[in-house]
Amino acid sequence: MKKLTKPERLERRHKRVRAKIFGSTARPRLSIYKSNTRIIAQIIDDERGATLAAVSSMSEKGKTPRERVEAAAATLVKEAKKKGVVAVVFDRGGFQFVGSIKAFADSARAAGLQF
């Protein structure tokens, strides 16, 4: 049996998560991508295939990476509320729900987005 590399394991987890999650017009999907330097989040309506709002933590001001992630979450929620989105389905993208992914989710909930 072949030993999987780290990107292959991530892709496998992501496919497993996406098999169970689908964003509708009523509850679009909040998709997260995490790299070593930033977090990118999008709110996607899978029925129409349209991105409703997107944000990157690199465009936010803050001293620490966590502060930038929290600011990005607040910005995304503001954009989502302008489009009338109050409830979403959370797609962690195969990443573990710890660290910056958890900080983003907690900050989005605190800003008023329902998961």
N, C-alpha and C. Protein backbone atom coordinates (compact mmCIF):
# COMPACT_ATOMS: atom_id res chain seq x y z
N MET A 1 0.84 -1.17 0.00
CA MET A 1 0.00 0.00 0.00
C MET A 1 0.89 1.24 0.00
N LYS A 2 0.59 2.15 -0.89
CA LYS A 2 1.37 3.37 -1.05
C LYS A 2 1.10 4.33 0.11
N LYS A 3 2.15 4.91 0.64
CA LYS A 3 1.99 5.91 1.68
C LYS A 3 1.65 7.24 1.03
N LEU A 4 0.58 7.89 1.50
CA LEU A 4 0.11 9.13 0.91
C LEU A 4 0.94 10.31 1.39
N THR A 5 1.14 11.28 0.51
CA THR A 5 1.84 12.50 0.89
C THR A 5 0.87 13.44 1.60
N LYS A 6 1.38 14.49 2.18
CA LYS A 6 0.54 15.43 2.91
C LYS A 6 -0.52 16.07 2.01
N PRO A 7 -0.18 16.55 0.80
CA PRO A 7 -1.22 17.10 -0.07
C PRO A 7 -2.27 16.07 -0.49
N GLU A 8 -1.87 14.84 -0.67
CA GLU A 8 -2.82 13.79 -1.02
C GLU A 8 -3.78 13.51 0.13
N ARG A 9 -3.28 13.52 1.34
CA ARG A 9 -4.14 13.32 2.51
C ARG A 9 -5.14 14.47 2.64
N LEU A 10 -4.66 15.71 2.41
CA LEU A 10 -5.53 16.88 2.47
C LEU A 10 -6.64 16.78 1.41
N GLU A 11 -6.27 16.41 0.20
CA GLU A 11 -7.25 16.28 -0.87
C GLU A 11 -8.29 15.21 -0.54
N ARG A 12 -7.85 14.12 0.03
CA ARG A 12 -8.75 13.04 0.41
C ARG A 12 -9.74 13.51 1.48
N ARG A 13 -9.24 14.22 2.49
CA ARG A 13 -10.13 14.76 3.54
C ARG A 13 -11.11 15.76 2.95
N HIS A 14 -10.62 16.61 2.04
CA HIS A 14 -11.48 17.62 1.43
C HIS A 14 -12.61 16.97 0.63
N LYS A 15 -12.31 15.94 -0.12
CA LYS A 15 -13.34 15.24 -0.88
C LYS A 15 -14.37 14.60 0.05
N ARG A 16 -13.91 14.08 1.17
CA ARG A 16 -14.81 13.45 2.13
C ARG A 16 -15.76 14.48 2.73
N VAL A 17 -15.23 15.68 3.03
CA VAL A 17 -16.05 16.75 3.58
C VAL A 17 -17.04 17.24 2.54
N ARG A 18 -16.57 17.46 1.31
CA ARG A 18 -17.42 18.02 0.25
C ARG A 18 -18.52 17.05 -0.20
N ALA A 19 -18.33 15.76 0.03
CA ALA A 19 -19.36 14.80 -0.33
C ALA A 19 -20.61 14.98 0.54
N LYS A 20 -20.45 15.57 1.71
CA LYS A 20 -21.56 15.73 2.65
C LYS A 20 -22.11 17.15 2.68
N ILE A 21 -21.41 18.12 2.10
CA ILE A 21 -21.78 19.52 2.22
C ILE A 21 -22.16 20.08 0.85
N PHE A 22 -23.31 20.78 0.80
CA PHE A 22 -23.74 21.43 -0.43
C PHE A 22 -24.41 22.74 -0.05
N GLY A 23 -24.01 23.83 -0.70
CA GLY A 23 -24.58 25.13 -0.42
C GLY A 23 -25.77 25.41 -1.31
N SER A 24 -26.86 25.87 -0.72
CA SER A 24 -28.06 26.20 -1.47
C SER A 24 -28.26 27.71 -1.46
N THR A 25 -29.32 28.16 -2.09
CA THR A 25 -29.61 29.60 -2.08
C THR A 25 -29.98 30.04 -0.67
N ALA A 26 -30.69 29.20 0.06
CA ALA A 26 -31.09 29.55 1.43
C ALA A 26 -29.91 29.50 2.39
N ARG A 27 -29.04 28.51 2.24
CA ARG A 27 -27.85 28.37 3.09
C ARG A 27 -26.63 28.11 2.21
N PRO A 28 -25.97 29.18 1.76
CA PRO A 28 -24.77 28.98 0.93
C PRO A 28 -23.63 28.38 1.73
N ARG A 29 -22.61 27.94 1.01
CA ARG A 29 -21.46 27.26 1.62
C ARG A 29 -20.37 28.29 1.91
N LEU A 30 -19.85 28.28 3.14
CA LEU A 30 -18.71 29.10 3.53
C LEU A 30 -17.48 28.22 3.40
N SER A 31 -16.70 28.43 2.34
CA SER A 31 -15.54 27.60 2.04
C SER A 31 -14.27 28.29 2.50
N ILE A 32 -13.40 27.54 3.17
CA ILE A 32 -12.15 28.07 3.72
C ILE A 32 -10.97 27.39 3.03
N TYR A 33 -9.96 28.19 2.68
CA TYR A 33 -8.68 27.65 2.22
C TYR A 33 -7.60 28.28 3.08
N LYS A 34 -6.69 27.45 3.57
CA LYS A 34 -5.62 27.94 4.43
C LYS A 34 -4.28 27.62 3.80
N SER A 35 -3.42 28.64 3.67
CA SER A 35 -2.05 28.42 3.25
C SER A 35 -1.15 28.74 4.44
N ASN A 36 0.14 28.74 4.22
CA ASN A 36 1.06 29.07 5.31
C ASN A 36 0.99 30.54 5.71
N THR A 37 0.54 31.40 4.81
CA THR A 37 0.57 32.83 5.08
C THR A 37 -0.80 33.48 5.20
N ARG A 38 -1.85 32.84 4.72
CA ARG A 38 -3.15 33.50 4.71
C ARG A 38 -4.30 32.50 4.75
N ILE A 39 -5.47 33.06 4.99
CA ILE A 39 -6.72 32.30 4.88
C ILE A 39 -7.58 33.02 3.85
N ILE A 40 -8.16 32.25 2.95
CA ILE A 40 -9.07 32.79 1.95
C ILE A 40 -10.42 32.13 2.19
N ALA A 41 -11.47 32.94 2.26
CA ALA A 41 -12.81 32.42 2.51
C ALA A 41 -13.77 32.96 1.45
N GLN A 42 -14.69 32.10 1.04
CA GLN A 42 -15.71 32.48 0.07
C GLN A 42 -17.06 31.96 0.54
N ILE A 43 -18.10 32.72 0.23
CA ILE A 43 -19.45 32.25 0.43
C ILE A 43 -20.00 31.94 -0.96
N ILE A 44 -20.36 30.66 -1.18
CA ILE A 44 -20.68 30.16 -2.50
C ILE A 44 -22.09 29.57 -2.52
N ASP A 45 -22.87 29.96 -3.53
CA ASP A 45 -24.16 29.35 -3.79
C ASP A 45 -23.92 28.27 -4.83
N ASP A 46 -23.94 27.01 -4.41
CA ASP A 46 -23.63 25.89 -5.30
C ASP A 46 -24.73 25.64 -6.33
N GLU A 47 -25.97 26.01 -6.03
CA GLU A 47 -27.05 25.81 -6.99
C GLU A 47 -26.85 26.68 -8.23
N ARG A 48 -26.45 27.92 -8.03
CA ARG A 48 -26.21 28.84 -9.15
C ARG A 48 -24.77 28.80 -9.61
N GLY A 49 -23.87 28.29 -8.78
CA GLY A 49 -22.46 28.30 -9.11
C GLY A 49 -21.86 29.68 -9.02
N ALA A 50 -22.32 30.48 -8.05
CA ALA A 50 -21.90 31.86 -7.92
C ALA A 50 -21.25 32.12 -6.57
N THR A 51 -20.20 32.93 -6.59
CA THR A 51 -19.56 33.37 -5.36
C THR A 51 -20.25 34.65 -4.90
N LEU A 52 -20.80 34.65 -3.69
CA LEU A 52 -21.53 35.80 -3.18
C LEU A 52 -20.62 36.80 -2.49
N ALA A 53 -19.59 36.31 -1.80
CA ALA A 53 -18.65 37.18 -1.10
C ALA A 53 -17.34 36.43 -0.91
N ALA A 54 -16.25 37.18 -0.91
CA ALA A 54 -14.93 36.56 -0.71
C ALA A 54 -14.03 37.53 0.04
N VAL A 55 -13.08 36.97 0.78
CA VAL A 55 -12.13 37.79 1.54
C VAL A 55 -10.84 37.01 1.76
N SER A 56 -9.75 37.74 1.89
CA SER A 56 -8.45 37.15 2.20
C SER A 56 -7.91 37.82 3.45
N SER A 57 -7.24 37.06 4.29
CA SER A 57 -6.68 37.65 5.52
C SER A 57 -5.51 38.57 5.22
N MET A 58 -4.92 38.48 4.03
CA MET A 58 -3.81 39.37 3.68
C MET A 58 -4.27 40.80 3.43
N SER A 59 -5.56 40.98 3.13
CA SER A 59 -6.07 42.32 2.88
C SER A 59 -6.49 43.02 4.16
N GLU A 60 -6.36 42.35 5.28
CA GLU A 60 -6.80 42.91 6.56
C GLU A 60 -5.61 43.43 7.37
N LYS A 61 -5.90 44.37 8.24
CA LYS A 61 -4.89 44.94 9.13
C LYS A 61 -4.91 44.19 10.45
N GLY A 62 -3.74 44.01 11.03
CA GLY A 62 -3.64 43.34 12.32
C GLY A 62 -2.19 43.01 12.62
N LYS A 63 -1.88 42.90 13.89
CA LYS A 63 -0.50 42.62 14.29
C LYS A 63 -0.14 41.15 14.14
N THR A 64 -1.07 40.30 14.52
CA THR A 64 -0.79 38.87 14.49
C THR A 64 -1.65 38.19 13.42
N PRO A 65 -1.25 37.01 12.98
CA PRO A 65 -2.08 36.29 12.01
C PRO A 65 -3.50 36.04 12.51
N ARG A 66 -3.65 35.76 13.79
CA ARG A 66 -4.99 35.52 14.34
C ARG A 66 -5.85 36.78 14.26
N GLU A 67 -5.28 37.95 14.54
CA GLU A 67 -6.04 39.19 14.44
C GLU A 67 -6.47 39.46 13.00
N ARG A 68 -5.60 39.13 12.04
CA ARG A 68 -5.95 39.31 10.63
C ARG A 68 -7.08 38.36 10.23
N VAL A 69 -7.04 37.13 10.75
CA VAL A 69 -8.09 36.16 10.44
C VAL A 69 -9.43 36.63 11.02
N GLU A 70 -9.41 37.12 12.24
CA GLU A 70 -10.64 37.58 12.87
C GLU A 70 -11.21 38.79 12.14
N ALA A 71 -10.34 39.71 11.69
CA ALA A 71 -10.79 40.86 10.93
C ALA A 71 -11.37 40.44 9.58
N ALA A 72 -10.75 39.44 8.96
CA ALA A 72 -11.25 38.94 7.68
C ALA A 72 -12.64 38.32 7.84
N ALA A 73 -12.85 37.60 8.93
CA ALA A 73 -14.16 37.00 9.19
C ALA A 73 -15.22 38.08 9.37
N ALA A 74 -14.89 39.12 10.11
CA ALA A 74 -15.85 40.21 10.31
C ALA A 74 -16.17 40.90 8.98
N THR A 75 -15.17 41.10 8.14
CA THR A 75 -15.39 41.72 6.83
C THR A 75 -16.28 40.84 5.95
N LEU A 76 -16.04 39.54 5.97
CA LEU A 76 -16.84 38.62 5.17
C LEU A 76 -18.30 38.62 5.62
N VAL A 77 -18.52 38.67 6.92
CA VAL A 77 -19.89 38.68 7.44
C VAL A 77 -20.60 39.97 7.01
N LYS A 78 -19.90 41.10 7.03
CA LYS A 78 -20.51 42.37 6.58
C LYS A 78 -20.93 42.27 5.12
N GLU A 79 -20.05 41.72 4.27
CA GLU A 79 -20.37 41.56 2.85
C GLU A 79 -21.55 40.60 2.67
N ALA A 80 -21.57 39.53 3.45
CA ALA A 80 -22.64 38.54 3.34
C ALA A 80 -23.99 39.15 3.75
N LYS A 81 -24.00 39.95 4.80
CA LYS A 81 -25.24 40.56 5.25
C LYS A 81 -25.77 41.55 4.22
N LYS A 82 -24.88 42.22 3.49
CA LYS A 82 -25.32 43.11 2.41
C LYS A 82 -26.05 42.34 1.31
N LYS A 83 -25.65 41.08 1.10
CA LYS A 83 -26.29 40.22 0.09
C LYS A 83 -27.48 39.46 0.66
N GLY A 84 -27.76 39.63 1.96
CA GLY A 84 -28.91 38.97 2.56
C GLY A 84 -28.64 37.58 3.09
N VAL A 85 -27.38 37.23 3.29
CA VAL A 85 -27.01 35.91 3.80
C VAL A 85 -26.84 35.98 5.31
N VAL A 86 -27.60 35.17 6.04
CA VAL A 86 -27.46 35.14 7.50
C VAL A 86 -27.10 33.76 8.02
N ALA A 87 -27.33 32.71 7.20
CA ALA A 87 -27.02 31.34 7.61
C ALA A 87 -26.23 30.66 6.50
N VAL A 88 -25.19 29.91 6.90
CA VAL A 88 -24.33 29.23 5.94
C VAL A 88 -24.05 27.80 6.40
N VAL A 89 -23.50 27.02 5.47
CA VAL A 89 -22.98 25.69 5.78
C VAL A 89 -21.47 25.83 5.78
N PHE A 90 -20.79 25.38 6.83
CA PHE A 90 -19.36 25.58 6.97
C PHE A 90 -18.58 24.45 6.31
N ASP A 91 -17.71 24.81 5.36
CA ASP A 91 -16.85 23.85 4.66
C ASP A 91 -15.42 24.16 5.07
N ARG A 92 -14.86 23.31 5.93
CA ARG A 92 -13.52 23.57 6.44
C ARG A 92 -12.44 23.18 5.45
N GLY A 93 -12.81 22.63 4.30
CA GLY A 93 -11.87 22.36 3.22
C GLY A 93 -10.86 21.27 3.51
N GLY A 94 -11.18 20.34 4.38
CA GLY A 94 -10.25 19.27 4.68
C GLY A 94 -9.26 19.61 5.78
N PHE A 95 -9.26 20.86 6.23
CA PHE A 95 -8.35 21.28 7.30
C PHE A 95 -8.98 20.95 8.65
N GLN A 96 -8.14 20.68 9.64
CA GLN A 96 -8.65 20.39 10.96
C GLN A 96 -9.27 21.64 11.57
N PHE A 97 -10.28 21.45 12.39
CA PHE A 97 -10.99 22.57 13.02
C PHE A 97 -10.24 23.02 14.27
N VAL A 98 -9.05 23.54 14.08
CA VAL A 98 -8.21 24.06 15.15
C VAL A 98 -7.51 25.31 14.65
N GLY A 99 -6.92 26.06 15.56
CA GLY A 99 -6.09 27.20 15.19
C GLY A 99 -6.84 28.28 14.43
N SER A 100 -6.31 28.67 13.28
CA SER A 100 -6.87 29.80 12.54
C SER A 100 -8.23 29.46 11.93
N ILE A 101 -8.49 28.20 11.59
CA ILE A 101 -9.80 27.81 11.06
C ILE A 101 -10.86 28.01 12.15
N LYS A 102 -10.55 27.57 13.36
CA LYS A 102 -11.48 27.73 14.49
C LYS A 102 -11.65 29.20 14.83
N ALA A 103 -10.57 29.99 14.80
CA ALA A 103 -10.65 31.42 15.09
C ALA A 103 -11.54 32.12 14.06
N PHE A 104 -11.41 31.74 12.79
CA PHE A 104 -12.26 32.32 11.75
C PHE A 104 -13.72 31.99 12.01
N ALA A 105 -14.02 30.74 12.29
CA ALA A 105 -15.40 30.32 12.53
C ALA A 105 -15.99 31.01 13.75
N ASP A 106 -15.24 31.07 14.83
CA ASP A 106 -15.73 31.72 16.05
C ASP A 106 -15.99 33.20 15.82
N SER A 107 -15.10 33.86 15.09
CA SER A 107 -15.26 35.28 14.80
C SER A 107 -16.45 35.53 13.89
N ALA A 108 -16.68 34.65 12.92
CA ALA A 108 -17.84 34.80 12.04
C ALA A 108 -19.14 34.61 12.81
N ARG A 109 -19.14 33.64 13.74
CA ARG A 109 -20.33 33.44 14.57
C ARG A 109 -20.58 34.65 15.45
N ALA A 110 -19.51 35.21 16.02
CA ALA A 110 -19.64 36.38 16.88
C ALA A 110 -20.15 37.60 16.11
N ALA A 111 -19.81 37.68 14.82
CA ALA A 111 -20.26 38.79 13.99
C ALA A 111 -21.70 38.62 13.52
N GLY A 112 -22.29 37.44 13.75
CA GLY A 112 -23.71 37.25 13.46
C GLY A 112 -24.05 36.24 12.39
N LEU A 113 -23.09 35.50 11.90
CA LEU A 113 -23.36 34.48 10.88
C LEU A 113 -23.73 33.17 11.58
N GLN A 114 -24.77 32.50 11.09
CA GLN A 114 -25.22 31.26 11.71
C GLN A 114 -24.71 30.07 10.92
N PHE A 115 -24.15 29.08 11.62
CA PHE A 115 -23.66 27.85 10.97
C PHE A 115 -24.65 26.75 11.28
